[in-house]
N, C-alpha and C. Protein backbone atom coordinates (compact mmCIF):
# COMPACT_ATOMS: atom_id res chain seq x y z
N UNK A 1 0.88 -0.99 0.25
CA UNK A 1 0.01 0.13 0.16
C UNK A 1 0.76 0.95 0.02
N UNK A 2 0.37 2.32 -0.65
CA UNK A 2 1.13 3.55 -0.49
C UNK A 2 1.49 4.12 0.78
N UNK A 3 2.67 4.30 1.07
CA UNK A 3 3.15 4.68 2.35
C UNK A 3 2.54 6.07 2.80
N UNK A 4 2.52 6.79 1.78
CA UNK A 4 2.04 8.34 1.82
C UNK A 4 0.47 8.26 2.50
N UNK A 5 -0.32 7.31 1.92
CA UNK A 5 -1.88 7.11 2.63
C UNK A 5 -1.63 6.60 3.78
N UNK A 6 -0.80 5.77 4.21
CA UNK A 6 -0.79 5.26 5.47
C UNK A 6 -0.32 6.20 6.70
N UNK A 7 0.52 7.26 6.12
CA UNK A 7 1.01 8.32 7.14
C UNK A 7 -0.32 9.26 7.56
N UNK A 8 -1.39 9.24 6.28
CA UNK A 8 -2.17 10.08 6.46
C UNK A 8 -3.73 9.44 6.87
N UNK A 9 -3.73 8.27 7.62
CA UNK A 9 -4.92 7.65 8.28
C UNK A 9 -4.99 7.73 9.59
N UNK A 10 -4.22 8.39 10.30
CA UNK A 10 -4.44 8.98 11.72
C UNK A 10 -5.68 9.02 11.98
N UNK A 11 -6.40 8.67 12.92
CA UNK A 11 -7.53 9.11 13.62
C UNK A 11 -8.87 8.31 12.89
N UNK A 12 -8.62 7.85 11.97
CA UNK A 12 -9.83 6.93 11.04
C UNK A 12 -10.43 5.76 11.97
N UNK A 13 -11.65 5.46 11.68
CA UNK A 13 -11.93 4.26 12.31
C UNK A 13 -12.31 3.49 10.95
N UNK A 14 -11.65 2.20 11.35
CA UNK A 14 -11.74 1.29 10.29
C UNK A 14 -12.19 -0.13 10.87
N UNK A 15 -12.58 -0.73 9.88
CA UNK A 15 -12.80 -2.28 10.42
C UNK A 15 -11.84 -3.13 9.46
N UNK A 16 -11.23 -4.32 10.35
CA UNK A 16 -10.12 -4.85 9.42
C UNK A 16 -10.36 -6.25 8.91
N UNK A 17 -9.99 -6.52 7.92
CA UNK A 17 -10.07 -7.82 7.25
C UNK A 17 -8.66 -8.71 7.04
N UNK A 18 -8.67 -9.68 7.41
CA UNK A 18 -9.61 -10.43 7.91
C UNK A 18 -10.08 -10.10 9.24
N UNK A 19 -11.37 -10.39 9.83
CA UNK A 19 -11.88 -9.89 10.98
C UNK A 19 -10.87 -10.65 11.95
N UNK A 20 -10.49 -9.76 13.09
CA UNK A 20 -9.45 -10.49 14.40
C UNK A 20 -10.30 -11.74 14.80
N UNK A 21 -9.56 -12.85 14.75
CA UNK A 21 -9.90 -14.01 15.74
C UNK A 21 -10.00 -13.93 17.08
N UNK A 22 -10.85 -14.23 17.76
CA UNK A 22 -11.06 -14.26 19.09
C UNK A 22 -10.97 -15.67 20.00
N UNK A 23 -10.06 -15.96 20.85
CA UNK A 23 -9.49 -17.23 21.41
C UNK A 23 -9.55 -16.88 22.92
N UNK A 24 -10.48 -17.65 23.75
CA UNK A 24 -10.55 -17.80 25.34
C UNK A 24 -9.07 -18.25 25.32
N UNK A 25 -8.89 -17.98 26.94
CA UNK A 25 -7.39 -18.22 27.59
C UNK A 25 -7.44 -19.73 27.52
N UNK A 26 -8.61 -20.41 27.50
CA UNK A 26 -8.71 -22.07 27.50
C UNK A 26 -8.41 -22.77 25.89
N UNK A 27 -8.27 -21.90 24.87
CA UNK A 27 -8.12 -22.08 23.65
C UNK A 27 -9.43 -22.45 22.84
N UNK A 28 -10.56 -22.40 23.55
CA UNK A 28 -11.84 -22.47 22.66
C UNK A 28 -11.87 -20.91 21.94
N UNK A 29 -12.13 -21.06 20.26
CA UNK A 29 -12.40 -20.01 19.54
C UNK A 29 -13.82 -19.46 19.62
N UNK A 30 -14.04 -18.12 19.85
CA UNK A 30 -15.14 -17.59 20.10
C UNK A 30 -15.91 -16.82 18.94
N UNK A 31 -17.03 -16.80 18.55
CA UNK A 31 -17.77 -15.95 17.24
C UNK A 31 -16.80 -14.89 17.17
N UNK A 32 -16.62 -14.44 15.77
CA UNK A 32 -16.16 -13.27 14.99
C UNK A 32 -17.20 -12.04 15.58
N UNK A 33 -16.44 -10.95 15.99
CA UNK A 33 -17.25 -9.38 16.14
C UNK A 33 -16.35 -8.73 15.23
N UNK A 34 -17.23 -8.08 14.46
CA UNK A 34 -16.51 -6.96 13.50
C UNK A 34 -16.44 -5.67 14.10
N UNK A 35 -15.55 -5.34 15.03
CA UNK A 35 -15.31 -4.61 15.65
C UNK A 35 -14.60 -3.37 14.98
N UNK A 36 -14.76 -1.95 15.54
CA UNK A 36 -14.20 -1.02 14.77
C UNK A 36 -12.69 -0.71 15.42
N UNK A 37 -11.96 -0.45 14.82
CA UNK A 37 -10.46 -0.07 15.53
C UNK A 37 -10.15 1.29 14.99
N UNK A 38 -9.63 1.79 16.07
CA UNK A 38 -9.18 3.23 15.71
C UNK A 38 -7.89 3.38 15.13
N UNK A 39 -7.21 4.30 14.41
CA UNK A 39 -5.76 4.39 13.96
C UNK A 39 -5.41 5.69 15.07
N UNK A 40 -4.64 5.13 15.97
CA UNK A 40 -4.42 6.33 16.87
C UNK A 40 -3.08 7.03 16.61
N UNK A 41 -2.15 6.16 15.84
CA UNK A 41 -1.00 6.81 15.31
C UNK A 41 -0.56 6.33 14.07
N UNK A 42 0.01 6.92 13.02
CA UNK A 42 0.32 6.60 11.66
C UNK A 42 1.39 7.37 11.11
N UNK A 43 2.49 6.70 10.25
CA UNK A 43 3.52 7.16 9.74
C UNK A 43 3.49 6.48 8.57
N UNK A 44 4.59 6.90 7.68
CA UNK A 44 5.00 5.96 6.51
C UNK A 44 5.31 4.53 6.83
N UNK A 45 5.85 4.33 8.12
CA UNK A 45 6.59 2.87 8.52
C UNK A 45 5.66 2.11 9.02
N UNK A 46 4.48 2.57 9.78
CA UNK A 46 3.82 1.80 10.91
C UNK A 46 2.47 2.64 11.36
N UNK A 47 1.52 1.74 11.78
CA UNK A 47 0.35 2.45 12.43
C UNK A 47 0.00 1.90 13.50
N UNK A 48 -0.59 2.42 14.32
CA UNK A 48 -1.15 1.84 15.92
C UNK A 48 -2.58 1.59 16.01
N UNK A 49 -3.16 0.44 15.84
CA UNK A 49 -4.83 0.39 15.84
C UNK A 49 -4.80 0.05 17.43
N UNK A 50 -6.11 0.39 17.54
CA UNK A 50 -6.72 0.10 19.08
C UNK A 50 -8.14 -0.45 19.04
N UNK A 51 -8.53 -1.13 19.55
CA UNK A 51 -9.75 -1.56 19.82
C UNK A 51 -10.31 -1.08 21.15
N UNK A 52 -11.41 -0.57 20.89
CA UNK A 52 -11.94 0.23 22.20
C UNK A 52 -12.58 -0.53 22.93
N UNK A 53 -13.47 -1.64 22.44
CA UNK A 53 -14.20 -2.40 22.84
C UNK A 53 -13.57 -3.31 24.10
N UNK A 54 -12.24 -3.70 23.48
CA UNK A 54 -11.38 -4.91 24.42
C UNK A 54 -10.23 -4.30 24.77
N UNK A 55 -9.86 -3.30 24.44
CA UNK A 55 -8.68 -2.21 24.89
C UNK A 55 -7.30 -3.08 24.54
N UNK A 56 -7.40 -4.03 23.74
CA UNK A 56 -6.24 -4.59 22.73
C UNK A 56 -5.62 -3.36 21.77
N UNK A 57 -4.35 -3.43 21.62
CA UNK A 57 -3.75 -2.40 20.69
C UNK A 57 -2.67 -3.16 20.01
N UNK A 58 -2.27 -2.78 18.77
CA UNK A 58 -1.32 -3.35 18.20
C UNK A 58 -0.59 -2.14 17.26
N UNK A 59 0.81 -2.46 16.89
CA UNK A 59 1.63 -1.54 16.16
C UNK A 59 2.12 -2.56 14.65
N UNK A 60 1.63 -2.01 13.87
CA UNK A 60 1.80 -2.87 12.72
C UNK A 60 2.61 -2.04 11.85
N UNK A 61 3.51 -2.82 11.12
CA UNK A 61 4.25 -2.12 9.80
C UNK A 61 3.48 -1.70 8.67
N UNK A 62 3.70 -0.91 7.80
CA UNK A 62 2.81 -0.66 6.62
C UNK A 62 2.83 -1.84 5.99
N UNK A 63 3.92 -2.68 5.80
CA UNK A 63 4.20 -3.73 4.92
C UNK A 63 2.84 -4.81 5.22
N UNK A 64 2.11 -4.60 6.28
CA UNK A 64 1.11 -5.71 6.52
C UNK A 64 -0.07 -5.13 5.92
N UNK A 65 -0.52 -4.03 5.49
CA UNK A 65 -1.57 -3.33 4.64
C UNK A 65 -1.43 -3.86 3.33
N UNK A 66 -2.50 -4.51 2.98
CA UNK A 66 -2.52 -4.71 1.43
C UNK A 66 -3.43 -3.83 0.81
N UNK A 67 -4.57 -3.12 1.39
CA UNK A 67 -5.11 -1.83 0.79
C UNK A 67 -6.32 -1.33 1.63
N UNK A 68 -6.72 -0.45 1.61
CA UNK A 68 -7.64 0.08 2.10
C UNK A 68 -9.14 0.63 1.24
N UNK A 69 -10.10 0.40 1.54
CA UNK A 69 -11.17 0.66 0.74
C UNK A 69 -12.24 1.33 1.93
N UNK A 70 -12.88 2.29 1.20
CA UNK A 70 -13.86 3.14 1.61
C UNK A 70 -15.17 2.23 2.18
N UNK A 71 -15.86 2.91 3.38
CA UNK A 71 -17.05 2.00 3.72
C UNK A 71 -18.09 2.94 4.11
N UNK A 72 -18.45 3.67 3.06
CA UNK A 72 -19.55 4.87 3.01
C UNK A 72 -20.77 4.38 4.13
N UNK A 73 -21.27 3.32 3.93
CA UNK A 73 -22.59 3.13 4.62
C UNK A 73 -22.41 2.13 5.66
N UNK A 74 -21.38 1.85 6.27
CA UNK A 74 -21.00 0.84 6.94
C UNK A 74 -20.82 1.42 8.37
N UNK A 75 -20.60 2.82 8.67
CA UNK A 75 -20.37 3.22 10.06
C UNK A 75 -18.87 3.10 10.42
N UNK A 76 -18.19 3.00 9.52
CA UNK A 76 -16.70 3.10 9.68
C UNK A 76 -16.33 4.20 8.59
N UNK A 77 -14.82 4.61 8.66
CA UNK A 77 -14.30 5.28 7.42
C UNK A 77 -13.56 4.42 6.39
N UNK A 78 -13.78 3.22 6.61
CA UNK A 78 -13.08 2.50 5.65
C UNK A 78 -12.77 0.71 6.14
N UNK A 79 -12.10 -0.01 5.48
CA UNK A 79 -12.04 -1.23 5.44
C UNK A 79 -10.47 -1.27 5.19
N UNK A 80 -9.55 -2.02 6.60
CA UNK A 80 -8.15 -1.92 6.22
C UNK A 80 -8.10 -3.32 6.03
N UNK A 81 -7.58 -4.03 4.82
CA UNK A 81 -7.18 -4.81 4.40
C UNK A 81 -5.63 -5.30 4.78
N UNK A 82 -5.67 -6.57 5.36
CA UNK A 82 -4.42 -6.99 6.17
C UNK A 82 -3.42 -7.81 5.24
N UNK A 83 -2.45 -8.34 5.33
CA UNK A 83 -1.71 -9.52 4.74
C UNK A 83 -1.26 -10.28 6.07
N UNK A 84 -2.16 -9.94 7.41
CA UNK A 84 -1.97 -10.75 8.48
C UNK A 84 -3.09 -10.94 9.37
N UNK A 85 -3.20 -11.81 9.82
CA UNK A 85 -4.38 -11.99 10.70
C UNK A 85 -3.90 -11.75 12.28
N UNK A 86 -4.71 -10.98 12.80
CA UNK A 86 -4.99 -10.33 14.38
C UNK A 86 -5.65 -11.52 14.80
N UNK A 87 -5.07 -11.76 16.12
CA UNK A 87 -5.60 -12.99 16.79
C UNK A 87 -5.48 -12.43 18.33
N UNK A 88 -6.72 -12.23 18.79
CA UNK A 88 -7.06 -11.75 20.56
C UNK A 88 -7.17 -13.06 21.12
N UNK A 89 -6.34 -13.31 22.17
CA UNK A 89 -6.55 -14.35 23.09
C UNK A 89 -6.39 -13.98 24.50
N UNK A 90 -7.46 -13.84 24.94
CA UNK A 90 -7.70 -13.31 26.20
C UNK A 90 -7.14 -11.71 26.42
N UNK A 91 -6.05 -11.51 27.24
CA UNK A 91 -5.86 -9.99 27.16
C UNK A 91 -4.44 -9.92 26.24
N UNK A 92 -3.98 -10.88 25.58
CA UNK A 92 -3.08 -10.68 24.82
C UNK A 92 -3.41 -10.63 23.11
N UNK A 93 -2.55 -10.05 22.47
CA UNK A 93 -2.84 -10.13 21.01
C UNK A 93 -1.53 -10.47 20.40
N UNK A 94 -1.75 -11.38 19.32
CA UNK A 94 -0.85 -11.98 18.33
C UNK A 94 -1.12 -11.52 16.91
N UNK A 95 -0.27 -11.67 16.12
CA UNK A 95 -0.43 -11.55 14.51
C UNK A 95 0.69 -12.49 14.11
N UNK A 96 -0.45 -13.05 12.80
CA UNK A 96 0.42 -14.20 12.33
C UNK A 96 0.26 -13.67 10.64
N UNK A 97 1.16 -14.07 9.73
CA UNK A 97 1.04 -13.72 8.38
C UNK A 97 -0.18 -14.64 7.96
N UNK A 98 -0.49 -14.03 6.68
CA UNK A 98 -1.41 -15.09 6.16
C UNK A 98 -0.65 -15.48 4.74
N UNK A 99 -0.73 -16.90 4.61
CA UNK A 99 -0.01 -17.44 3.54
C UNK A 99 -0.86 -17.76 2.31
N UNK A 100 -0.74 -17.10 1.46
CA UNK A 100 -1.35 -17.24 0.07
C UNK A 100 -1.62 -19.15 -0.29
N UNK A 101 -2.61 -19.37 -0.71
CA UNK A 101 -2.76 -20.88 -0.91
C UNK A 101 -1.85 -21.39 -1.64
N UNK A 102 -1.37 -20.63 -3.11
CA UNK A 102 -0.38 -21.48 -3.87
C UNK A 102 0.88 -21.63 -3.18
N UNK A 103 1.51 -20.58 -2.27
CA UNK A 103 2.51 -20.81 -1.67
C UNK A 103 2.54 -21.91 -0.52
N UNK A 104 1.50 -22.01 0.19
CA UNK A 104 1.09 -23.03 1.19
C UNK A 104 1.29 -24.54 0.32
N UNK A 105 0.57 -24.60 -0.67
CA UNK A 105 0.59 -25.71 -1.47
C UNK A 105 2.03 -26.07 -1.90
N UNK A 106 2.79 -25.39 -2.38
CA UNK A 106 4.47 -25.52 -2.89
C UNK A 106 5.21 -26.29 -1.79
N UNK A 107 4.90 -25.48 -0.30
CA UNK A 107 5.43 -25.73 0.84
C UNK A 107 5.18 -27.23 0.92
N UNK A 108 3.96 -27.46 1.22
CA UNK A 108 3.48 -28.95 1.41
C UNK A 108 3.93 -29.83 0.60
N UNK A 109 3.92 -29.45 -0.89
CA UNK A 109 4.45 -30.54 -1.62
C UNK A 109 5.95 -30.81 -1.91
N UNK A 110 6.86 -29.97 -0.96
CA UNK A 110 8.04 -30.25 -0.66
C UNK A 110 8.32 -31.29 0.24
N UNK A 111 7.55 -31.60 0.90
CA UNK A 111 7.67 -32.36 2.15
C UNK A 111 7.79 -33.83 2.02
């Protein structure tokens, strides 16, 4: 994504895609909630996302962002489409890269 665009996104309210996974401390996956995330800080290199409902926050490098799409009728400023999956587990937050299917298939075929 254009790094100048990332730098100008401070204070936007966004929905993230893929929607963050929610996992209990016991390991049980919970139903998805399409939260709004506030971009509290942004620069050409990174941005800080904050989930006001859960108080989770994460700093992501600009390279985690695939694209930004507007959301005129959905109650947010837009969709932040990521190259990674945000995972909320109890009070902690983890980020895992999304591996394209063709890359995963090639990896598995080498085994």
